[in-house]
Amino acid sequence: GGEAALLIAATYPEIKAVVAGVPSNVVWQSINFK
């Protein structure tokens, strides 16, 4: 969710502050267990 928070805030200017816990600086591969 920290990865997502940074990506979402970088995409949508309506977000005026971001808190990203243990985040990523890149978009990672998906996680699919099926």
PDB file of all heavy atoms in Angstrom:
ATOM      1  N   GLY A   1       0.810  -1.208   0.000  1.00  0.00           N
ATOM      2  CA  GLY A   1       0.000   0.000   0.000  1.00  0.00           C
ATOM      3  C   GLY A   1       0.845   1.260   0.000  1.00  0.00           C
ATOM      4  O   GLY A   1       0.392   2.311  -0.469  1.00  0.00           O
ATOM      5  N   GLY A   2       2.077   1.170   0.533  1.00  0.00           N
ATOM      6  CA  GLY A   2       2.989   2.310   0.459  1.00  0.00           C
ATOM      7  C   GLY A   2       3.433   2.574  -0.967  1.00  0.00           C
ATOM      8  O   GLY A   2       3.553   3.724  -1.399  1.00  0.00           O
ATOM      9  N   GLU A   3       3.699   1.490  -1.684  1.00  0.00           N
ATOM     10  CA  GLU A   3       3.994   1.602  -3.121  1.00  0.00           C
ATOM     11  C   GLU A   3       2.829   2.278  -3.829  1.00  0.00           C
ATOM     12  O   GLU A   3       3.007   3.232  -4.606  1.00  0.00           O
ATOM     13  CB  GLU A   3       4.224   0.210  -3.706  1.00  0.00           C
ATOM     14  CG  GLU A   3       4.354   0.161  -5.218  1.00  0.00           C
ATOM     15  CD  GLU A   3       4.379  -1.270  -5.741  1.00  0.00           C
ATOM     16  OE1 GLU A   3       5.026  -2.142  -5.106  1.00  0.00           O
ATOM     17  OE2 GLU A   3       3.752  -1.532  -6.787  1.00  0.00           O
ATOM     18  N   ALA A   4       1.614   1.790  -3.549  1.00  0.00           N
ATOM     19  CA  ALA A   4       0.418   2.340  -4.183  1.00  0.00           C
ATOM     20  C   ALA A   4       0.207   3.805  -3.811  1.00  0.00           C
ATOM     21  O   ALA A   4      -0.144   4.630  -4.667  1.00  0.00           O
ATOM     22  CB  ALA A   4      -0.806   1.524  -3.797  1.00  0.00           C
ATOM     23  N   ALA A   5       0.411   4.153  -2.539  1.00  0.00           N
ATOM     24  CA  ALA A   5       0.179   5.519  -2.085  1.00  0.00           C
ATOM     25  C   ALA A   5       1.049   6.514  -2.850  1.00  0.00           C
ATOM     26  O   ALA A   5       0.570   7.576  -3.283  1.00  0.00           O
ATOM     27  CB  ALA A   5       0.454   5.627  -0.585  1.00  0.00           C
ATOM     28  N   LEU A   6       2.322   6.184  -3.037  1.00  0.00           N
ATOM     29  CA  LEU A   6       3.216   7.079  -3.783  1.00  0.00           C
ATOM     30  C   LEU A   6       2.788   7.171  -5.245  1.00  0.00           C
ATOM     31  O   LEU A   6       2.785   8.254  -5.842  1.00  0.00           O
ATOM     32  CB  LEU A   6       4.655   6.588  -3.674  1.00  0.00           C
ATOM     33  CG  LEU A   6       5.284   6.665  -2.277  1.00  0.00           C
ATOM     34  CD1 LEU A   6       6.654   5.983  -2.274  1.00  0.00           C
ATOM     35  CD2 LEU A   6       5.411   8.113  -1.815  1.00  0.00           C
ATOM     36  N   LEU A   7       2.423   6.038  -5.831  1.00  0.00           N
ATOM     37  CA  LEU A   7       2.011   6.016  -7.232  1.00  0.00           C
ATOM     38  C   LEU A   7       0.710   6.794  -7.437  1.00  0.00           C
ATOM     39  O   LEU A   7       0.578   7.572  -8.399  1.00  0.00           O
ATOM     40  CB  LEU A   7       1.838   4.565  -7.681  1.00  0.00           C
ATOM     41  CG  LEU A   7       1.419   4.335  -9.141  1.00  0.00           C
ATOM     42  CD1 LEU A   7       2.486   4.869 -10.092  1.00  0.00           C
ATOM     43  CD2 LEU A   7       1.164   2.852  -9.391  1.00  0.00           C
ATOM     44  N   ILE A   8      -0.253   6.599  -6.544  1.00  0.00           N
ATOM     45  CA  ILE A   8      -1.538   7.285  -6.653  1.00  0.00           C
ATOM     46  C   ILE A   8      -1.365   8.789  -6.492  1.00  0.00           C
ATOM     47  O   ILE A   8      -1.931   9.586  -7.258  1.00  0.00           O
ATOM     48  CB  ILE A   8      -2.516   6.728  -5.599  1.00  0.00           C
ATOM     49  CG1 ILE A   8      -2.886   5.279  -5.956  1.00  0.00           C
ATOM     50  CG2 ILE A   8      -3.773   7.585  -5.480  1.00  0.00           C
ATOM     51  CD1 ILE A   8      -3.429   4.489  -4.788  1.00  0.00           C
ATOM     52  N   ALA A   9      -0.572   9.203  -5.506  1.00  0.00           N
ATOM     53  CA  ALA A   9      -0.351  10.632  -5.287  1.00  0.00           C
ATOM     54  C   ALA A   9       0.395  11.272  -6.453  1.00  0.00           C
ATOM     55  O   ALA A   9       0.182  12.441  -6.775  1.00  0.00           O
ATOM     56  CB  ALA A   9       0.414  10.851  -3.988  1.00  0.00           C
ATOM     57  N   ALA A  10       1.284  10.506  -7.092  1.00  0.00           N
ATOM     58  CA  ALA A  10       2.006  11.017  -8.257  1.00  0.00           C
ATOM     59  C   ALA A  10       1.107  11.107  -9.480  1.00  0.00           C
ATOM     60  O   ALA A  10       1.423  11.809 -10.440  1.00  0.00           O
ATOM     61  CB  ALA A  10       3.206  10.124  -8.560  1.00  0.00           C
ATOM     62  N   THR A  11      -0.012  10.399  -9.443  1.00  0.00           N
ATOM     63  CA  THR A  11      -0.940  10.359 -10.578  1.00  0.00           C
ATOM     64  C   THR A  11      -2.079  11.360 -10.432  1.00  0.00           C
ATOM     65  O   THR A  11      -2.505  11.976 -11.418  1.00  0.00           O
ATOM     66  CB  THR A  11      -1.519   8.937 -10.742  1.00  0.00           C
ATOM     67  OG1 THR A  11      -0.450   7.999 -10.862  1.00  0.00           O
ATOM     68  CG2 THR A  11      -2.416   8.838 -11.968  1.00  0.00           C
ATOM     69  N   TYR A  12      -2.558  11.535  -9.202  1.00  0.00           N
ATOM     70  CA  TYR A  12      -3.735  12.369  -8.973  1.00  0.00           C
ATOM     71  C   TYR A  12      -3.383  13.552  -8.076  1.00  0.00           C
ATOM     72  O   TYR A  12      -3.114  13.386  -6.881  1.00  0.00           O
ATOM     73  CB  TYR A  12      -4.849  11.536  -8.350  1.00  0.00           C
ATOM     74  CG  TYR A  12      -5.290  10.403  -9.258  1.00  0.00           C
ATOM     75  CD1 TYR A  12      -5.082   9.066  -8.893  1.00  0.00           C
ATOM     76  CD2 TYR A  12      -5.893  10.669 -10.478  1.00  0.00           C
ATOM     77  CE1 TYR A  12      -5.480   8.028  -9.729  1.00  0.00           C
ATOM     78  CE2 TYR A  12      -6.283   9.638 -11.332  1.00  0.00           C
ATOM     79  CZ  TYR A  12      -6.069   8.321 -10.949  1.00  0.00           C
ATOM     80  OH  TYR A  12      -6.448   7.301 -11.785  1.00  0.00           O
ATOM     81  N   PRO A  13      -3.403  14.771  -8.621  1.00  0.00           N
ATOM     82  CA  PRO A  13      -2.970  15.964  -7.873  1.00  0.00           C
ATOM     83  C   PRO A  13      -3.907  16.360  -6.742  1.00  0.00           C
ATOM     84  O   PRO A  13      -3.562  17.234  -5.948  1.00  0.00           O
ATOM     85  CB  PRO A  13      -2.932  17.051  -8.958  1.00  0.00           C
ATOM     86  CG  PRO A  13      -3.871  16.573 -10.019  1.00  0.00           C
ATOM     87  CD  PRO A  13      -3.761  15.085 -10.017  1.00  0.00           C
ATOM     88  N   GLU A  14      -5.063  15.711  -6.636  1.00  0.00           N
ATOM     89  CA  GLU A  14      -5.960  16.015  -5.525  1.00  0.00           C
ATOM     90  C   GLU A  14      -5.367  15.633  -4.180  1.00  0.00           C
ATOM     91  O   GLU A  14      -5.768  16.165  -3.137  1.00  0.00           O
ATOM     92  CB  GLU A  14      -7.300  15.281  -5.711  1.00  0.00           C
ATOM     93  CG  GLU A  14      -8.098  15.719  -6.917  1.00  0.00           C
ATOM     94  CD  GLU A  14      -7.779  14.914  -8.171  1.00  0.00           C
ATOM     95  OE1 GLU A  14      -6.706  14.266  -8.206  1.00  0.00           O
ATOM     96  OE2 GLU A  14      -8.592  14.926  -9.099  1.00  0.00           O
ATOM     97  N   ILE A  15      -4.402  14.715  -4.188  1.00  0.00           N
ATOM     98  CA  ILE A  15      -3.762  14.286  -2.944  1.00  0.00           C
ATOM     99  C   ILE A  15      -2.706  15.311  -2.543  1.00  0.00           C
ATOM    100  O   ILE A  15      -1.773  15.585  -3.296  1.00  0.00           O
ATOM    101  CB  ILE A  15      -3.118  12.892  -3.112  1.00  0.00           C
ATOM    102  CG1 ILE A  15      -4.179  11.857  -3.514  1.00  0.00           C
ATOM    103  CG2 ILE A  15      -2.410  12.471  -1.833  1.00  0.00           C
ATOM    104  CD1 ILE A  15      -5.317  11.719  -2.536  1.00  0.00           C
ATOM    105  N   LYS A  16      -2.838  15.857  -1.339  1.00  0.00           N
ATOM    106  CA  LYS A  16      -1.975  16.948  -0.892  1.00  0.00           C
ATOM    107  C   LYS A  16      -0.975  16.540   0.187  1.00  0.00           C
ATOM    108  O   LYS A  16      -0.205  17.378   0.662  1.00  0.00           O
ATOM    109  CB  LYS A  16      -2.836  18.104  -0.381  1.00  0.00           C
ATOM    110  CG  LYS A  16      -3.804  18.650  -1.426  1.00  0.00           C
ATOM    111  CD  LYS A  16      -3.079  19.126  -2.687  1.00  0.00           C
ATOM    112  CE  LYS A  16      -4.062  19.673  -3.723  1.00  0.00           C
ATOM    113  NZ  LYS A  16      -3.367  20.044  -4.989  1.00  0.00           N
ATOM    114  N   ALA A  17      -0.977  15.282   0.573  1.00  0.00           N
ATOM    115  CA  ALA A  17       0.027  14.769   1.509  1.00  0.00           C
ATOM    116  C   ALA A  17       0.001  13.249   1.442  1.00  0.00           C
ATOM    117  O   ALA A  17      -1.052  12.646   1.223  1.00  0.00           O
ATOM    118  CB  ALA A  17      -0.240  15.234   2.935  1.00  0.00           C
ATOM    119  N   VAL A  18       1.175  12.640   1.629  1.00  0.00           N
ATOM    120  CA  VAL A  18       1.291  11.188   1.544  1.00  0.00           C
ATOM    121  C   VAL A  18       2.106  10.667   2.721  1.00  0.00           C
ATOM    122  O   VAL A  18       3.168  11.210   3.039  1.00  0.00           O
ATOM    123  CB  VAL A  18       2.003  10.741   0.248  1.00  0.00           C
ATOM    124  CG1 VAL A  18       1.987   9.220   0.132  1.00  0.00           C
ATOM    125  CG2 VAL A  18       1.371  11.371  -0.967  1.00  0.00           C
ATOM    126  N   VAL A  19       1.607   9.601   3.349  1.00  0.00           N
ATOM    127  CA  VAL A  19       2.394   8.850   4.324  1.00  0.00           C
ATOM    128  C   VAL A  19       2.552   7.439   3.768  1.00  0.00           C
ATOM    129  O   VAL A  19       1.556   6.735   3.550  1.00  0.00           O
ATOM    130  CB  VAL A  19       1.701   8.796   5.700  1.00  0.00           C
ATOM    131  CG1 VAL A  19       2.551   7.981   6.682  1.00  0.00           C
ATOM    132  CG2 VAL A  19       1.452  10.197   6.237  1.00  0.00           C
ATOM    133  N   ALA A  20       3.791   7.040   3.521  1.00  0.00           N
ATOM    134  CA  ALA A  20       4.067   5.727   2.938  1.00  0.00           C
ATOM    135  C   ALA A  20       4.936   4.931   3.903  1.00  0.00           C
ATOM    136  O   ALA A  20       6.095   5.270   4.130  1.00  0.00           O
ATOM    137  CB  ALA A  20       4.753   5.869   1.584  1.00  0.00           C
ATOM    138  N   GLY A  21       4.357   3.870   4.461  1.00  0.00           N
ATOM    139  CA  GLY A  21       5.108   3.021   5.380  1.00  0.00           C
ATOM    140  C   GLY A  21       5.790   1.891   4.638  1.00  0.00           C
ATOM    141  O   GLY A  21       5.190   1.260   3.759  1.00  0.00           O
ATOM    142  N   VAL A  22       7.029   1.631   4.979  1.00  0.00           N
ATOM    143  CA  VAL A  22       7.872   0.606   4.345  1.00  0.00           C
ATOM    144  C   VAL A  22       7.537   0.474   2.855  1.00  0.00           C
ATOM    145  O   VAL A  22       7.163  -0.601   2.377  1.00  0.00           O
ATOM    146  CB  VAL A  22       7.783  -0.754   5.075  1.00  0.00           C
ATOM    147  CG1 VAL A  22       8.469  -0.684   6.415  1.00  0.00           C
ATOM    148  CG2 VAL A  22       6.334  -1.235   5.276  1.00  0.00           C
ATOM    149  N   PRO A  23       7.695   1.558   2.093  1.00  0.00           N
ATOM    150  CA  PRO A  23       7.220   1.578   0.712  1.00  0.00           C
ATOM    151  C   PRO A  23       8.272   1.120  -0.284  1.00  0.00           C
ATOM    152  O   PRO A  23       9.392   0.746   0.072  1.00  0.00           O
ATOM    153  CB  PRO A  23       6.920   3.059   0.498  1.00  0.00           C
ATOM    154  CG  PRO A  23       8.020   3.742   1.274  1.00  0.00           C
ATOM    155  CD  PRO A  23       8.255   2.865   2.485  1.00  0.00           C
ATOM    156  N   SER A  24       7.880   1.188  -1.544  1.00  0.00           N
ATOM    157  CA  SER A  24       8.782   0.909  -2.661  1.00  0.00           C
ATOM    158  C   SER A  24       8.935   2.161  -3.510  1.00  0.00           C
ATOM    159  O   SER A  24       8.018   2.978  -3.593  1.00  0.00           O
ATOM    160  CB  SER A  24       8.223  -0.224  -3.524  1.00  0.00           C
ATOM    161  OG  SER A  24       8.956  -0.343  -4.728  1.00  0.00           O
ATOM    162  N   ASN A  25      10.077   2.293  -4.136  1.00  0.00           N
ATOM    163  CA  ASN A  25      10.292   3.396  -5.082  1.00  0.00           C
ATOM    164  C   ASN A  25       9.911   3.006  -6.501  1.00  0.00           C
ATOM    165  O   ASN A  25       9.917   3.846  -7.400  1.00  0.00           O
ATOM    166  CB  ASN A  25      11.757   3.839  -5.061  1.00  0.00           C
ATOM    167  CG  ASN A  25      12.691   2.771  -5.595  1.00  0.00           C
ATOM    168  OD1 ASN A  25      12.628   1.610  -5.181  1.00  0.00           O
ATOM    169  ND2 ASN A  25      13.571   3.134  -6.521  1.00  0.00           N
ATOM    170  N   VAL A  26       9.582   1.718  -6.710  1.00  0.00           N
ATOM    171  CA  VAL A  26       9.212   1.225  -8.035  1.00  0.00           C
ATOM    172  C   VAL A  26       7.904   0.452  -7.950  1.00  0.00           C
ATOM    173  O   VAL A  26       7.482   0.019  -6.876  1.00  0.00           O
ATOM    174  CB  VAL A  26      10.299   0.298  -8.633  1.00  0.00           C
ATOM    175  CG1 VAL A  26      11.617   1.037  -8.796  1.00  0.00           C
ATOM    176  CG2 VAL A  26      10.472  -0.959  -7.784  1.00  0.00           C
ATOM    177  N   VAL A  27       7.279   0.271  -9.100  1.00  0.00           N
ATOM    178  CA  VAL A  27       6.143  -0.632  -9.207  1.00  0.00           C
ATOM    179  C   VAL A  27       6.676  -2.049  -9.350  1.00  0.00           C
ATOM    180  O   VAL A  27       7.549  -2.312 -10.184  1.00  0.00           O
ATOM    181  CB  VAL A  27       5.270  -0.269 -10.424  1.00  0.00           C
ATOM    182  CG1 VAL A  27       4.241  -1.353 -10.694  1.00  0.00           C
ATOM    183  CG2 VAL A  27       4.593   1.081 -10.207  1.00  0.00           C
ATOM    184  N   TRP A  28       6.135  -2.957  -8.548  1.00  0.00           N
ATOM    185  CA  TRP A  28       6.587  -4.340  -8.572  1.00  0.00           C
ATOM    186  C   TRP A  28       5.591  -5.251  -9.286  1.00  0.00           C
ATOM    187  O   TRP A  28       4.430  -4.890  -9.510  1.00  0.00           O
ATOM    188  CB  TRP A  28       6.790  -4.870  -7.149  1.00  0.00           C
ATOM    189  CG  TRP A  28       8.042  -4.378  -6.514  1.00  0.00           C
ATOM    190  CD1 TRP A  28       8.155  -3.356  -5.604  1.00  0.00           C
ATOM    191  CD2 TRP A  28       9.372  -4.849  -6.742  1.00  0.00           C
ATOM    192  NE1 TRP A  28       9.475  -3.175  -5.252  1.00  0.00           N
ATOM    193  CE2 TRP A  28      10.243  -4.084  -5.940  1.00  0.00           C
ATOM    194  CE3 TRP A  28       9.904  -5.846  -7.540  1.00  0.00           C
ATOM    195  CZ2 TRP A  28      11.618  -4.277  -5.910  1.00  0.00           C
ATOM    196  CZ3 TRP A  28      11.276  -6.057  -7.525  1.00  0.00           C
ATOM    197  CH2 TRP A  28      12.124  -5.280  -6.711  1.00  0.00           C
ATOM    198  N   GLN A  29       6.063  -6.415  -9.607  1.00  0.00           N
ATOM    199  CA  GLN A  29       5.223  -7.472 -10.173  1.00  0.00           C
ATOM    200  C   GLN A  29       4.049  -7.763  -9.243  1.00  0.00           C
ATOM    201  O   GLN A  29       4.132  -7.597  -8.025  1.00  0.00           O
ATOM    202  CB  GLN A  29       6.071  -8.730 -10.355  1.00  0.00           C
ATOM    203  CG  GLN A  29       5.333  -9.948 -10.882  1.00  0.00           C
ATOM    204  CD  GLN A  29       6.235 -11.159 -10.983  1.00  0.00           C
ATOM    205  OE1 GLN A  29       7.410 -11.039 -11.305  1.00  0.00           O
ATOM    206  NE2 GLN A  29       5.695 -12.335 -10.704  1.00  0.00           N
ATOM    207  N   SER A  30       2.959  -8.209  -9.827  1.00  0.00           N
ATOM    208  CA  SER A  30       1.762  -8.538  -9.058  1.00  0.00           C
ATOM    209  C   SER A  30       1.992  -9.761  -8.162  1.00  0.00           C
ATOM    210  O   SER A  30       2.974 -10.489  -8.315  1.00  0.00           O
ATOM    211  CB  SER A  30       0.602  -8.820 -10.012  1.00  0.00           C
ATOM    212  OG  SER A  30       0.909  -9.950 -10.818  1.00  0.00           O
ATOM    213  N   ILE A  31       1.044  -9.973  -7.263  1.00  0.00           N
ATOM    214  CA  ILE A  31       1.062 -11.144  -6.388  1.00  0.00           C
ATOM    215  C   ILE A  31      -0.215 -11.924  -6.651  1.00  0.00           C
ATOM    216  O   ILE A  31      -1.315 -11.486  -6.298  1.00  0.00           O
ATOM    217  CB  ILE A  31       1.156 -10.735  -4.909  1.00  0.00           C
ATOM    218  CG1 ILE A  31       2.411  -9.918  -4.651  1.00  0.00           C
ATOM    219  CG2 ILE A  31       1.130 -11.970  -4.016  1.00  0.00           C
ATOM    220  CD1 ILE A  31       2.516  -9.346  -3.247  1.00  0.00           C
ATOM    221  N   ASN A  32      -0.074 -13.070  -7.290  1.00  0.00           N
ATOM    222  CA  ASN A  32      -1.223 -13.882  -7.675  1.00  0.00           C
ATOM    223  C   ASN A  32      -0.985 -15.315  -7.206  1.00  0.00           C
ATOM    224  O   ASN A  32      -0.030 -15.967  -7.631  1.00  0.00           O
ATOM    225  CB  ASN A  32      -1.414 -13.850  -9.196  1.00  0.00           C
ATOM    226  CG  ASN A  32      -2.694 -14.540  -9.650  1.00  0.00           C
ATOM    227  OD1 ASN A  32      -3.127 -15.530  -9.062  1.00  0.00           O
ATOM    228  ND2 ASN A  32      -3.307 -14.010 -10.696  1.00  0.00           N
ATOM    229  N   PHE A  33      -1.854 -15.823  -6.340  1.00  0.00           N
ATOM    230  CA  PHE A  33      -1.659 -17.146  -5.763  1.00  0.00           C
ATOM    231  C   PHE A  33      -2.420 -18.250  -6.498  1.00  0.00           C
ATOM    232  O   PHE A  33      -2.236 -19.410  -6.206  1.00  0.00           O
ATOM    233  CB  PHE A  33      -2.052 -17.131  -4.285  1.00  0.00           C
ATOM    234  CG  PHE A  33      -1.118 -16.286  -3.464  1.00  0.00           C
ATOM    235  CD1 PHE A  33      -1.515 -15.027  -3.053  1.00  0.00           C
ATOM    236  CD2 PHE A  33       0.149 -16.717  -3.151  1.00  0.00           C
ATOM    237  CE1 PHE A  33      -0.659 -14.231  -2.314  1.00  0.00           C
ATOM    238  CE2 PHE A  33       1.011 -15.930  -2.418  1.00  0.00           C
ATOM    239  CZ  PHE A  33       0.609 -14.680  -2.001  1.00  0.00           C
ATOM    240  N   LYS A  34      -3.261 -17.845  -7.447  1.00  0.00           N
ATOM    241  CA  LYS A  34      -3.978 -18.845  -8.220  1.00  0.00           C
ATOM    242  C   LYS A  34      -3.222 -19.213  -9.489  1.00  0.00           C
ATOM    243  O   LYS A  34      -3.230 -20.352  -9.929  1.00  0.00           O
ATOM    244  CB  LYS A  34      -5.377 -18.338  -8.565  1.00  0.00           C
ATOM    245  CG  LYS A  34      -6.330 -18.348  -7.387  1.00  0.00           C
ATOM    246  CD  LYS A  34      -7.762 -18.156  -7.838  1.00  0.00           C
ATOM    247  CE  LYS A  34      -8.726 -18.320  -6.671  1.00  0.00           C
ATOM    248  NZ  LYS A  34     -10.133 -18.149  -7.097  1.00  0.00           N
TER     249      LYS A  34
END
